[in-house]
Amino acid sequence: ATLSGHQGPVWQVAWAHPKFGSMLASCS
């Protein structure tokens, strides 16, 4: 997959623990 939504460089990504489902955070 490619996730598009930020409007500038994405600095970091972080996976949540799987007990919360399949979830990812990103900051830009």
mmCIF file of all heavy atoms, coordinates in Angstrom:
data_MODEL
# 
_entry.id   MODEL 
# 
loop_
_atom_site.group_PDB 
_atom_site.id 
_atom_site.type_symbol 
_atom_site.label_atom_id 
_atom_site.label_alt_id 
_atom_site.label_comp_id 
_atom_site.label_asym_id 
_atom_site.label_entity_id 
_atom_site.label_seq_id 
_atom_site.pdbx_PDB_ins_code 
_atom_site.Cartn_x 
_atom_site.Cartn_y 
_atom_site.Cartn_z 
_atom_site.occupancy 
_atom_site.B_iso_or_equiv 
_atom_site.pdbx_formal_charge 
_atom_site.auth_seq_id 
_atom_site.auth_comp_id 
_atom_site.auth_asym_id 
_atom_site.auth_atom_id 
_atom_site.pdbx_PDB_model_num 
ATOM 1   N N   . ALA A 1 1  ? 0.840  -1.208 0.000  1.00 0.00 ? 1  ALA A N   1 
ATOM 2   C CA  . ALA A 1 1  ? 0.000  0.000  0.000  1.00 0.00 ? 1  ALA A CA  1 
ATOM 3   C C   . ALA A 1 1  ? 0.868  1.249  0.000  1.00 0.00 ? 1  ALA A C   1 
ATOM 4   O O   . ALA A 1 1  ? 2.003  1.243  0.477  1.00 0.00 ? 1  ALA A O   1 
ATOM 5   C CB  . ALA A 1 1  ? -0.913 0.007  1.230  1.00 0.00 ? 1  ALA A CB  1 
ATOM 6   N N   . THR A 1 2  ? 0.311  2.331  -0.542 1.00 0.00 ? 2  THR A N   1 
ATOM 7   C CA  . THR A 1 2  ? 0.906  3.671  -0.428 1.00 0.00 ? 2  THR A CA  1 
ATOM 8   C C   . THR A 1 2  ? -0.121 4.553  0.279  1.00 0.00 ? 2  THR A C   1 
ATOM 9   O O   . THR A 1 2  ? -1.279 4.621  -0.140 1.00 0.00 ? 2  THR A O   1 
ATOM 10  C CB  . THR A 1 2  ? 1.226  4.266  -1.808 1.00 0.00 ? 2  THR A CB  1 
ATOM 11  O OG1 . THR A 1 2  ? 2.185  3.428  -2.461 1.00 0.00 ? 2  THR A OG1 1 
ATOM 12  C CG2 . THR A 1 2  ? 1.809  5.664  -1.676 1.00 0.00 ? 2  THR A CG2 1 
ATOM 13  N N   . LEU A 1 3  ? 0.304  5.205  1.359  1.00 0.00 ? 3  LEU A N   1 
ATOM 14  C CA  . LEU A 1 3  ? -0.606 6.047  2.133  1.00 0.00 ? 3  LEU A CA  1 
ATOM 15  C C   . LEU A 1 3  ? -0.288 7.510  1.834  1.00 0.00 ? 3  LEU A C   1 
ATOM 16  O O   . LEU A 1 3  ? 0.806  7.993  2.130  1.00 0.00 ? 3  LEU A O   1 
ATOM 17  C CB  . LEU A 1 3  ? -0.456 5.780  3.636  1.00 0.00 ? 3  LEU A CB  1 
ATOM 18  C CG  . LEU A 1 3  ? -0.441 4.304  4.081  1.00 0.00 ? 3  LEU A CG  1 
ATOM 19  C CD1 . LEU A 1 3  ? -0.485 4.204  5.602  1.00 0.00 ? 3  LEU A CD1 1 
ATOM 20  C CD2 . LEU A 1 3  ? -1.597 3.535  3.488  1.00 0.00 ? 3  LEU A CD2 1 
ATOM 21  N N   . SER A 1 4  ? -1.235 8.205  1.243  1.00 0.00 ? 4  SER A N   1 
ATOM 22  C CA  . SER A 1 4  ? -1.067 9.611  0.883  1.00 0.00 ? 4  SER A CA  1 
ATOM 23  C C   . SER A 1 4  ? -2.049 10.448 1.690  1.00 0.00 ? 4  SER A C   1 
ATOM 24  O O   . SER A 1 4  ? -3.225 10.116 1.769  1.00 0.00 ? 4  SER A O   1 
ATOM 25  C CB  . SER A 1 4  ? -1.332 9.822  -0.609 1.00 0.00 ? 4  SER A CB  1 
ATOM 26  O OG  . SER A 1 4  ? -0.464 8.998  -1.372 1.00 0.00 ? 4  SER A OG  1 
ATOM 27  N N   . GLY A 1 5  ? -1.549 11.531 2.270  1.00 0.00 ? 5  GLY A N   1 
ATOM 28  C CA  . GLY A 1 5  ? -2.408 12.385 3.092  1.00 0.00 ? 5  GLY A CA  1 
ATOM 29  C C   . GLY A 1 5  ? -1.634 13.551 3.666  1.00 0.00 ? 5  GLY A C   1 
ATOM 30  O O   . GLY A 1 5  ? -2.204 14.605 3.955  1.00 0.00 ? 5  GLY A O   1 
ATOM 31  N N   . HIS A 1 6  ? -0.331 13.361 3.821  1.00 0.00 ? 6  HIS A N   1 
ATOM 32  C CA  . HIS A 1 6  ? 0.503  14.467 4.296  1.00 0.00 ? 6  HIS A CA  1 
ATOM 33  C C   . HIS A 1 6  ? 0.839  15.406 3.137  1.00 0.00 ? 6  HIS A C   1 
ATOM 34  O O   . HIS A 1 6  ? 0.837  15.006 1.968  1.00 0.00 ? 6  HIS A O   1 
ATOM 35  C CB  . HIS A 1 6  ? 1.801  13.930 4.920  1.00 0.00 ? 6  HIS A CB  1 
ATOM 36  C CG  . HIS A 1 6  ? 1.605  13.359 6.288  1.00 0.00 ? 6  HIS A CG  1 
ATOM 37  N ND1 . HIS A 1 6  ? 1.209  14.116 7.365  1.00 0.00 ? 6  HIS A ND1 1 
ATOM 38  C CD2 . HIS A 1 6  ? 1.746  12.089 6.762  1.00 0.00 ? 6  HIS A CD2 1 
ATOM 39  C CE1 . HIS A 1 6  ? 1.127  13.347 8.446  1.00 0.00 ? 6  HIS A CE1 1 
ATOM 40  N NE2 . HIS A 1 6  ? 1.440  12.112 8.099  1.00 0.00 ? 6  HIS A NE2 1 
ATOM 41  N N   . GLN A 1 7  ? 1.155  16.660 3.498  1.00 0.00 ? 7  GLN A N   1 
ATOM 42  C CA  . GLN A 1 7  ? 1.473  17.658 2.480  1.00 0.00 ? 7  GLN A CA  1 
ATOM 43  C C   . GLN A 1 7  ? 2.919  18.136 2.581  1.00 0.00 ? 7  GLN A C   1 
ATOM 44  O O   . GLN A 1 7  ? 3.271  19.209 2.098  1.00 0.00 ? 7  GLN A O   1 
ATOM 45  C CB  . GLN A 1 7  ? 0.509  18.841 2.611  1.00 0.00 ? 7  GLN A CB  1 
ATOM 46  C CG  . GLN A 1 7  ? -0.885 18.446 2.173  1.00 0.00 ? 7  GLN A CG  1 
ATOM 47  C CD  . GLN A 1 7  ? -1.943 19.438 2.617  1.00 0.00 ? 7  GLN A CD  1 
ATOM 48  O OE1 . GLN A 1 7  ? -1.653 20.365 3.366  1.00 0.00 ? 7  GLN A OE1 1 
ATOM 49  N NE2 . GLN A 1 7  ? -3.161 19.215 2.166  1.00 0.00 ? 7  GLN A NE2 1 
ATOM 50  N N   . GLY A 1 8  ? 3.750  17.330 3.212  1.00 0.00 ? 8  GLY A N   1 
ATOM 51  C CA  . GLY A 1 8  ? 5.166  17.644 3.330  1.00 0.00 ? 8  GLY A CA  1 
ATOM 52  C C   . GLY A 1 8  ? 5.919  16.374 3.673  1.00 0.00 ? 8  GLY A C   1 
ATOM 53  O O   . GLY A 1 8  ? 5.316  15.293 3.776  1.00 0.00 ? 8  GLY A O   1 
ATOM 54  N N   . PRO A 1 9  ? 7.234  16.478 3.861  1.00 0.00 ? 9  PRO A N   1 
ATOM 55  C CA  . PRO A 1 9  ? 8.017  15.293 4.220  1.00 0.00 ? 9  PRO A CA  1 
ATOM 56  C C   . PRO A 1 9  ? 7.435  14.585 5.444  1.00 0.00 ? 9  PRO A C   1 
ATOM 57  O O   . PRO A 1 9  ? 7.007  15.241 6.397  1.00 0.00 ? 9  PRO A O   1 
ATOM 58  C CB  . PRO A 1 9  ? 9.399  15.874 4.533  1.00 0.00 ? 9  PRO A CB  1 
ATOM 59  C CG  . PRO A 1 9  ? 9.470  17.140 3.742  1.00 0.00 ? 9  PRO A CG  1 
ATOM 60  C CD  . PRO A 1 9  ? 8.076  17.678 3.715  1.00 0.00 ? 9  PRO A CD  1 
ATOM 61  N N   . VAL A 1 10 ? 7.418  13.255 5.391  1.00 0.00 ? 10 VAL A N   1 
ATOM 62  C CA  . VAL A 1 10 ? 6.975  12.453 6.542  1.00 0.00 ? 10 VAL A CA  1 
ATOM 63  C C   . VAL A 1 10 ? 8.235  12.019 7.288  1.00 0.00 ? 10 VAL A C   1 
ATOM 64  O O   . VAL A 1 10 ? 9.110  11.366 6.716  1.00 0.00 ? 10 VAL A O   1 
ATOM 65  C CB  . VAL A 1 10 ? 6.156  11.219 6.086  1.00 0.00 ? 10 VAL A CB  1 
ATOM 66  C CG1 . VAL A 1 10 ? 5.600  10.486 7.292  1.00 0.00 ? 10 VAL A CG1 1 
ATOM 67  C CG2 . VAL A 1 10 ? 5.021  11.647 5.157  1.00 0.00 ? 10 VAL A CG2 1 
ATOM 68  N N   . TRP A 1 11 ? 8.339  12.426 8.553  1.00 0.00 ? 11 TRP A N   1 
ATOM 69  C CA  . TRP A 1 11 ? 9.572  12.178 9.313  1.00 0.00 ? 11 TRP A CA  1 
ATOM 70  C C   . TRP A 1 11 ? 9.592  10.809 9.979  1.00 0.00 ? 11 TRP A C   1 
ATOM 71  O O   . TRP A 1 11 ? 10.612 10.144 10.004 1.00 0.00 ? 11 TRP A O   1 
ATOM 72  C CB  . TRP A 1 11 ? 9.766  13.243 10.389 1.00 0.00 ? 11 TRP A CB  1 
ATOM 73  C CG  . TRP A 1 11 ? 9.855  14.655 9.928  1.00 0.00 ? 11 TRP A CG  1 
ATOM 74  C CD1 . TRP A 1 11 ? 9.153  15.724 10.424 1.00 0.00 ? 11 TRP A CD1 1 
ATOM 75  C CD2 . TRP A 1 11 ? 10.710 15.205 8.912  1.00 0.00 ? 11 TRP A CD2 1 
ATOM 76  N NE1 . TRP A 1 11 ? 9.509  16.872 9.767  1.00 0.00 ? 11 TRP A NE1 1 
ATOM 77  C CE2 . TRP A 1 11 ? 10.461 16.590 8.847  1.00 0.00 ? 11 TRP A CE2 1 
ATOM 78  C CE3 . TRP A 1 11 ? 11.657 14.651 8.050  1.00 0.00 ? 11 TRP A CE3 1 
ATOM 79  C CZ2 . TRP A 1 11 ? 11.125 17.434 7.953  1.00 0.00 ? 11 TRP A CZ2 1 
ATOM 80  C CZ3 . TRP A 1 11 ? 12.314 15.496 7.165  1.00 0.00 ? 11 TRP A CZ3 1 
ATOM 81  C CH2 . TRP A 1 11 ? 12.051 16.856 7.116  1.00 0.00 ? 11 TRP A CH2 1 
ATOM 82  N N   . GLN A 1 12 ? 8.466  10.414 10.577 1.00 0.00 ? 12 GLN A N   1 
ATOM 83  C CA  . GLN A 1 12 ? 8.447  9.143  11.309 1.00 0.00 ? 12 GLN A CA  1 
ATOM 84  C C   . GLN A 1 12 ? 7.110  8.431  11.140 1.00 0.00 ? 12 GLN A C   1 
ATOM 85  O O   . GLN A 1 12 ? 6.070  9.065  10.912 1.00 0.00 ? 12 GLN A O   1 
ATOM 86  C CB  . GLN A 1 12 ? 8.714  9.368  12.810 1.00 0.00 ? 12 GLN A CB  1 
ATOM 87  C CG  . GLN A 1 12 ? 10.174 9.640  13.128 1.00 0.00 ? 12 GLN A CG  1 
ATOM 88  C CD  . GLN A 1 12 ? 10.470 9.648  14.633 1.00 0.00 ? 12 GLN A CD  1 
ATOM 89  O OE1 . GLN A 1 12 ? 9.628  9.328  15.469 1.00 0.00 ? 12 GLN A OE1 1 
ATOM 90  N NE2 . GLN A 1 12 ? 11.686 10.022 14.977 1.00 0.00 ? 12 GLN A NE2 1 
ATOM 91  N N   . VAL A 1 13 ? 7.186  7.112  11.276 1.00 0.00 ? 13 VAL A N   1 
ATOM 92  C CA  . VAL A 1 13 ? 5.987  6.268  11.344 1.00 0.00 ? 13 VAL A CA  1 
ATOM 93  C C   . VAL A 1 13 ? 6.116  5.368  12.568 1.00 0.00 ? 13 VAL A C   1 
ATOM 94  O O   . VAL A 1 13 ? 7.229  5.084  13.030 1.00 0.00 ? 13 VAL A O   1 
ATOM 95  C CB  . VAL A 1 13 ? 5.827  5.393  10.074 1.00 0.00 ? 13 VAL A CB  1 
ATOM 96  C CG1 . VAL A 1 13 ? 5.323  6.214  8.902  1.00 0.00 ? 13 VAL A CG1 1 
ATOM 97  C CG2 . VAL A 1 13 ? 7.128  4.687  9.714  1.00 0.00 ? 13 VAL A CG2 1 
ATOM 98  N N   . ALA A 1 14 ? 4.981  4.944  13.114 1.00 0.00 ? 14 ALA A N   1 
ATOM 99  C CA  . ALA A 1 14 ? 5.007  4.086  14.308 1.00 0.00 ? 14 ALA A CA  1 
ATOM 100 C C   . ALA A 1 14 ? 3.793  3.165  14.291 1.00 0.00 ? 14 ALA A C   1 
ATOM 101 O O   . ALA A 1 14 ? 2.652  3.625  14.153 1.00 0.00 ? 14 ALA A O   1 
ATOM 102 C CB  . ALA A 1 14 ? 4.991  4.948  15.579 1.00 0.00 ? 14 ALA A CB  1 
ATOM 103 N N   . TRP A 1 15 ? 4.048  1.862  14.420 1.00 0.00 ? 15 TRP A N   1 
ATOM 104 C CA  . TRP A 1 15 ? 2.962  0.873  14.487 1.00 0.00 ? 15 TRP A CA  1 
ATOM 105 C C   . TRP A 1 15 ? 2.407  0.807  15.910 1.00 0.00 ? 15 TRP A C   1 
ATOM 106 O O   . TRP A 1 15 ? 3.172  0.747  16.869 1.00 0.00 ? 15 TRP A O   1 
ATOM 107 C CB  . TRP A 1 15 ? 3.488  -0.520 14.137 1.00 0.00 ? 15 TRP A CB  1 
ATOM 108 C CG  . TRP A 1 15 ? 3.969  -0.707 12.733 1.00 0.00 ? 15 TRP A CG  1 
ATOM 109 C CD1 . TRP A 1 15 ? 5.251  -0.549 12.284 1.00 0.00 ? 15 TRP A CD1 1 
ATOM 110 C CD2 . TRP A 1 15 ? 3.202  -1.118 11.596 1.00 0.00 ? 15 TRP A CD2 1 
ATOM 111 N NE1 . TRP A 1 15 ? 5.326  -0.829 10.944 1.00 0.00 ? 15 TRP A NE1 1 
ATOM 112 C CE2 . TRP A 1 15 ? 4.087  -1.181 10.493 1.00 0.00 ? 15 TRP A CE2 1 
ATOM 113 C CE3 . TRP A 1 15 ? 1.855  -1.449 11.408 1.00 0.00 ? 15 TRP A CE3 1 
ATOM 114 C CZ2 . TRP A 1 15 ? 3.668  -1.552 9.224  1.00 0.00 ? 15 TRP A CZ2 1 
ATOM 115 C CZ3 . TRP A 1 15 ? 1.442  -1.818 10.140 1.00 0.00 ? 15 TRP A CZ3 1 
ATOM 116 C CH2 . TRP A 1 15 ? 2.329  -1.862 9.056  1.00 0.00 ? 15 TRP A CH2 1 
ATOM 117 N N   . ALA A 1 16 ? 1.093  0.799  16.025 1.00 0.00 ? 16 ALA A N   1 
ATOM 118 C CA  . ALA A 1 16 ? 0.475  0.556  17.328 1.00 0.00 ? 16 ALA A CA  1 
ATOM 119 C C   . ALA A 1 16 ? 0.578  -0.929 17.659 1.00 0.00 ? 16 ALA A C   1 
ATOM 120 O O   . ALA A 1 16 ? 0.784  -1.775 16.772 1.00 0.00 ? 16 ALA A O   1 
ATOM 121 C CB  . ALA A 1 16 ? -0.986 0.999  17.307 1.00 0.00 ? 16 ALA A CB  1 
ATOM 122 N N   . HIS A 1 17 ? 0.428  -1.265 18.945 1.00 0.00 ? 17 HIS A N   1 
ATOM 123 C CA  . HIS A 1 17 ? 0.426  -2.667 19.357 1.00 0.00 ? 17 HIS A CA  1 
ATOM 124 C C   . HIS A 1 17 ? -0.756 -3.374 18.701 1.00 0.00 ? 17 HIS A C   1 
ATOM 125 O O   . HIS A 1 17 ? -1.853 -2.808 18.595 1.00 0.00 ? 17 HIS A O   1 
ATOM 126 C CB  . HIS A 1 17 ? 0.321  -2.738 20.891 1.00 0.00 ? 17 HIS A CB  1 
ATOM 127 C CG  . HIS A 1 17 ? 0.531  -4.117 21.435 1.00 0.00 ? 17 HIS A CG  1 
ATOM 128 N ND1 . HIS A 1 17 ? -0.479 -5.055 21.465 1.00 0.00 ? 17 HIS A ND1 1 
ATOM 129 C CD2 . HIS A 1 17 ? 1.629  -4.718 21.964 1.00 0.00 ? 17 HIS A CD2 1 
ATOM 130 C CE1 . HIS A 1 17 ? 0.000  -6.179 21.992 1.00 0.00 ? 17 HIS A CE1 1 
ATOM 131 N NE2 . HIS A 1 17 ? 1.271  -6.002 22.301 1.00 0.00 ? 17 HIS A NE2 1 
ATOM 132 N N   . PRO A 1 18 ? -0.562 -4.625 18.236 1.00 0.00 ? 18 PRO A N   1 
ATOM 133 C CA  . PRO A 1 18 ? -1.634 -5.300 17.483 1.00 0.00 ? 18 PRO A CA  1 
ATOM 134 C C   . PRO A 1 18 ? -2.915 -5.536 18.287 1.00 0.00 ? 18 PRO A C   1 
ATOM 135 O O   . PRO A 1 18 ? -3.967 -5.790 17.702 1.00 0.00 ? 18 PRO A O   1 
ATOM 136 C CB  . PRO A 1 18 ? -0.998 -6.629 17.050 1.00 0.00 ? 18 PRO A CB  1 
ATOM 137 C CG  . PRO A 1 18 ? 0.205  -6.799 17.901 1.00 0.00 ? 18 PRO A CG  1 
ATOM 138 C CD  . PRO A 1 18 ? 0.668  -5.433 18.271 1.00 0.00 ? 18 PRO A CD  1 
ATOM 139 N N   . LYS A 1 19 ? -2.850 -5.424 19.622 1.00 0.00 ? 19 LYS A N   1 
ATOM 140 C CA  . LYS A 1 19 ? -4.096 -5.620 20.385 1.00 0.00 ? 19 LYS A CA  1 
ATOM 141 C C   . LYS A 1 19 ? -5.106 -4.499 20.089 1.00 0.00 ? 19 LYS A C   1 
ATOM 142 O O   . LYS A 1 19 ? -6.280 -4.640 20.373 1.00 0.00 ? 19 LYS A O   1 
ATOM 143 C CB  . LYS A 1 19 ? -3.806 -5.734 21.878 1.00 0.00 ? 19 LYS A CB  1 
ATOM 144 C CG  . LYS A 1 19 ? -3.635 -4.453 22.653 1.00 0.00 ? 19 LYS A CG  1 
ATOM 145 C CD  . LYS A 1 19 ? -3.454 -4.774 24.131 1.00 0.00 ? 19 LYS A CD  1 
ATOM 146 C CE  . LYS A 1 19 ? -3.619 -3.568 25.017 1.00 0.00 ? 19 LYS A CE  1 
ATOM 147 N NZ  . LYS A 1 19 ? -3.286 -3.845 26.419 1.00 0.00 ? 19 LYS A NZ  1 
ATOM 148 N N   . PHE A 1 20 ? -4.614 -3.386 19.495 1.00 0.00 ? 20 PHE A N   1 
ATOM 149 C CA  . PHE A 1 20 ? -5.509 -2.290 19.118 1.00 0.00 ? 20 PHE A CA  1 
ATOM 150 C C   . PHE A 1 20 ? -5.926 -2.379 17.649 1.00 0.00 ? 20 PHE A C   1 
ATOM 151 O O   . PHE A 1 20 ? -6.547 -1.453 17.125 1.00 0.00 ? 20 PHE A O   1 
ATOM 152 C CB  . PHE A 1 20 ? -4.822 -0.943 19.375 1.00 0.00 ? 20 PHE A CB  1 
ATOM 153 C CG  . PHE A 1 20 ? -4.405 -0.750 20.815 1.00 0.00 ? 20 PHE A CG  1 
ATOM 154 C CD1 . PHE A 1 20 ? -3.059 -0.740 21.166 1.00 0.00 ? 20 PHE A CD1 1 
ATOM 155 C CD2 . PHE A 1 20 ? -5.352 -0.599 21.814 1.00 0.00 ? 20 PHE A CD2 1 
ATOM 156 C CE1 . PHE A 1 20 ? -2.675 -0.571 22.483 1.00 0.00 ? 20 PHE A CE1 1 
ATOM 157 C CE2 . PHE A 1 20 ? -4.968 -0.431 23.144 1.00 0.00 ? 20 PHE A CE2 1 
ATOM 158 C CZ  . PHE A 1 20 ? -3.633 -0.421 23.480 1.00 0.00 ? 20 PHE A CZ  1 
ATOM 159 N N   . GLY A 1 21 ? -5.571 -3.480 16.996 1.00 0.00 ? 21 GLY A N   1 
ATOM 160 C CA  . GLY A 1 21 ? -5.868 -3.630 15.577 1.00 0.00 ? 21 GLY A CA  1 
ATOM 161 C C   . GLY A 1 21 ? -4.672 -3.217 14.737 1.00 0.00 ? 21 GLY A C   1 
ATOM 162 O O   . GLY A 1 21 ? -3.595 -2.911 15.245 1.00 0.00 ? 21 GLY A O   1 
ATOM 163 N N   . SER A 1 22 ? -4.855 -3.194 13.428 1.00 0.00 ? 22 SER A N   1 
ATOM 164 C CA  . SER A 1 22 ? -3.780 -2.835 12.508 1.00 0.00 ? 22 SER A CA  1 
ATOM 165 C C   . SER A 1 22 ? -3.810 -1.317 12.319 1.00 0.00 ? 22 SER A C   1 
ATOM 166 O O   . SER A 1 22 ? -4.656 -0.782 11.606 1.00 0.00 ? 22 SER A O   1 
ATOM 167 C CB  . SER A 1 22 ? -3.966 -3.563 11.180 1.00 0.00 ? 22 SER A CB  1 
ATOM 168 O OG  . SER A 1 22 ? -2.845 -3.378 10.363 1.00 0.00 ? 22 SER A OG  1 
ATOM 169 N N   . MET A 1 23 ? -2.878 -0.640 13.010 1.00 0.00 ? 23 MET A N   1 
ATOM 170 C CA  . MET A 1 23 ? -2.920 0.815  13.074 1.00 0.00 ? 23 MET A CA  1 
ATOM 171 C C   . MET A 1 23 ? -1.509 1.383  12.997 1.00 0.00 ? 23 MET A C   1 
ATOM 172 O O   . MET A 1 23 ? -0.568 0.814  13.538 1.00 0.00 ? 23 MET A O   1 
ATOM 173 C CB  . MET A 1 23 ? -3.574 1.215  14.400 1.00 0.00 ? 23 MET A CB  1 
ATOM 174 C CG  . MET A 1 23 ? -4.162 2.593  14.414 1.00 0.00 ? 23 MET A CG  1 
ATOM 175 S SD  . MET A 1 23 ? -4.933 2.936  16.005 1.00 0.00 ? 23 MET A SD  1 
ATOM 176 C CE  . MET A 1 23 ? -6.367 1.921  15.930 1.00 0.00 ? 23 MET A CE  1 
ATOM 177 N N   . LEU A 1 24 ? -1.387 2.516  12.325 1.00 0.00 ? 24 LEU A N   1 
ATOM 178 C CA  . LEU A 1 24 ? -0.089 3.151  12.111 1.00 0.00 ? 24 LEU A CA  1 
ATOM 179 C C   . LEU A 1 24 ? -0.253 4.652  12.325 1.00 0.00 ? 24 LEU A C   1 
ATOM 180 O O   . LEU A 1 24 ? -1.263 5.237  11.934 1.00 0.00 ? 24 LEU A O   1 
ATOM 181 C CB  . LEU A 1 24 ? 0.362  2.875  10.664 1.00 0.00 ? 24 LEU A CB  1 
ATOM 182 C CG  . LEU A 1 24 ? 1.758  3.307  10.229 1.00 0.00 ? 24 LEU A CG  1 
ATOM 183 C CD1 . LEU A 1 24 ? 2.813  2.401  10.854 1.00 0.00 ? 24 LEU A CD1 1 
ATOM 184 C CD2 . LEU A 1 24 ? 1.870  3.240  8.703  1.00 0.00 ? 24 LEU A CD2 1 
ATOM 185 N N   . ALA A 1 25 ? 0.736  5.256  12.984 1.00 0.00 ? 25 ALA A N   1 
ATOM 186 C CA  . ALA A 1 25 ? 0.741  6.722  13.125 1.00 0.00 ? 25 ALA A CA  1 
ATOM 187 C C   . ALA A 1 25 ? 1.871  7.285  12.287 1.00 0.00 ? 25 ALA A C   1 
ATOM 188 O O   . ALA A 1 25 ? 2.903  6.635  12.096 1.00 0.00 ? 25 ALA A O   1 
ATOM 189 C CB  . ALA A 1 25 ? 0.921  7.114  14.588 1.00 0.00 ? 25 ALA A CB  1 
ATOM 190 N N   . SER A 1 26 ? 1.681  8.526  11.799 1.00 0.00 ? 26 SER A N   1 
ATOM 191 C CA  . SER A 1 26 ? 2.736  9.191  11.039 1.00 0.00 ? 26 SER A CA  1 
ATOM 192 C C   . SER A 1 26 ? 2.761  10.671 11.407 1.00 0.00 ? 26 SER A C   1 
ATOM 193 O O   . SER A 1 26 ? 1.744  11.247 11.797 1.00 0.00 ? 26 SER A O   1 
ATOM 194 C CB  . SER A 1 26 ? 2.504  9.036  9.532  1.00 0.00 ? 26 SER A CB  1 
ATOM 195 O OG  . SER A 1 26 ? 1.262  9.605  9.150  1.00 0.00 ? 26 SER A OG  1 
ATOM 196 N N   . CYS A 1 27 ? 3.959  11.272 11.292 1.00 0.00 ? 27 CYS A N   1 
ATOM 197 C CA  . CYS A 1 27 ? 4.083  12.705 11.581 1.00 0.00 ? 27 CYS A CA  1 
ATOM 198 C C   . CYS A 1 27 ? 4.893  13.365 10.472 1.00 0.00 ? 27 CYS A C   1 
ATOM 199 O O   . CYS A 1 27 ? 5.742  12.731 9.853  1.00 0.00 ? 27 CYS A O   1 
ATOM 200 C CB  . CYS A 1 27 ? 4.724  12.950 12.947 1.00 0.00 ? 27 CYS A CB  1 
ATOM 201 S SG  . CYS A 1 27 ? 6.434  12.391 13.104 1.00 0.00 ? 27 CYS A SG  1 
ATOM 202 N N   . SER A 1 28 ? 4.629  14.649 10.271 1.00 0.00 ? 28 SER A N   1 
ATOM 203 C CA  . SER A 1 28 ? 5.168  15.305 9.081  1.00 0.00 ? 28 SER A CA  1 
ATOM 204 C C   . SER A 1 28 ? 5.557  16.756 9.330  1.00 0.00 ? 28 SER A C   1 
ATOM 205 O O   . SER A 1 28 ? 5.139  17.387 10.305 1.00 0.00 ? 28 SER A O   1 
ATOM 206 C CB  . SER A 1 28 ? 4.109  15.247 7.969  1.00 0.00 ? 28 SER A CB  1 
ATOM 207 O OG  . SER A 1 28 ? 4.404  16.117 6.901  1.00 0.00 ? 28 SER A OG  1 
# 
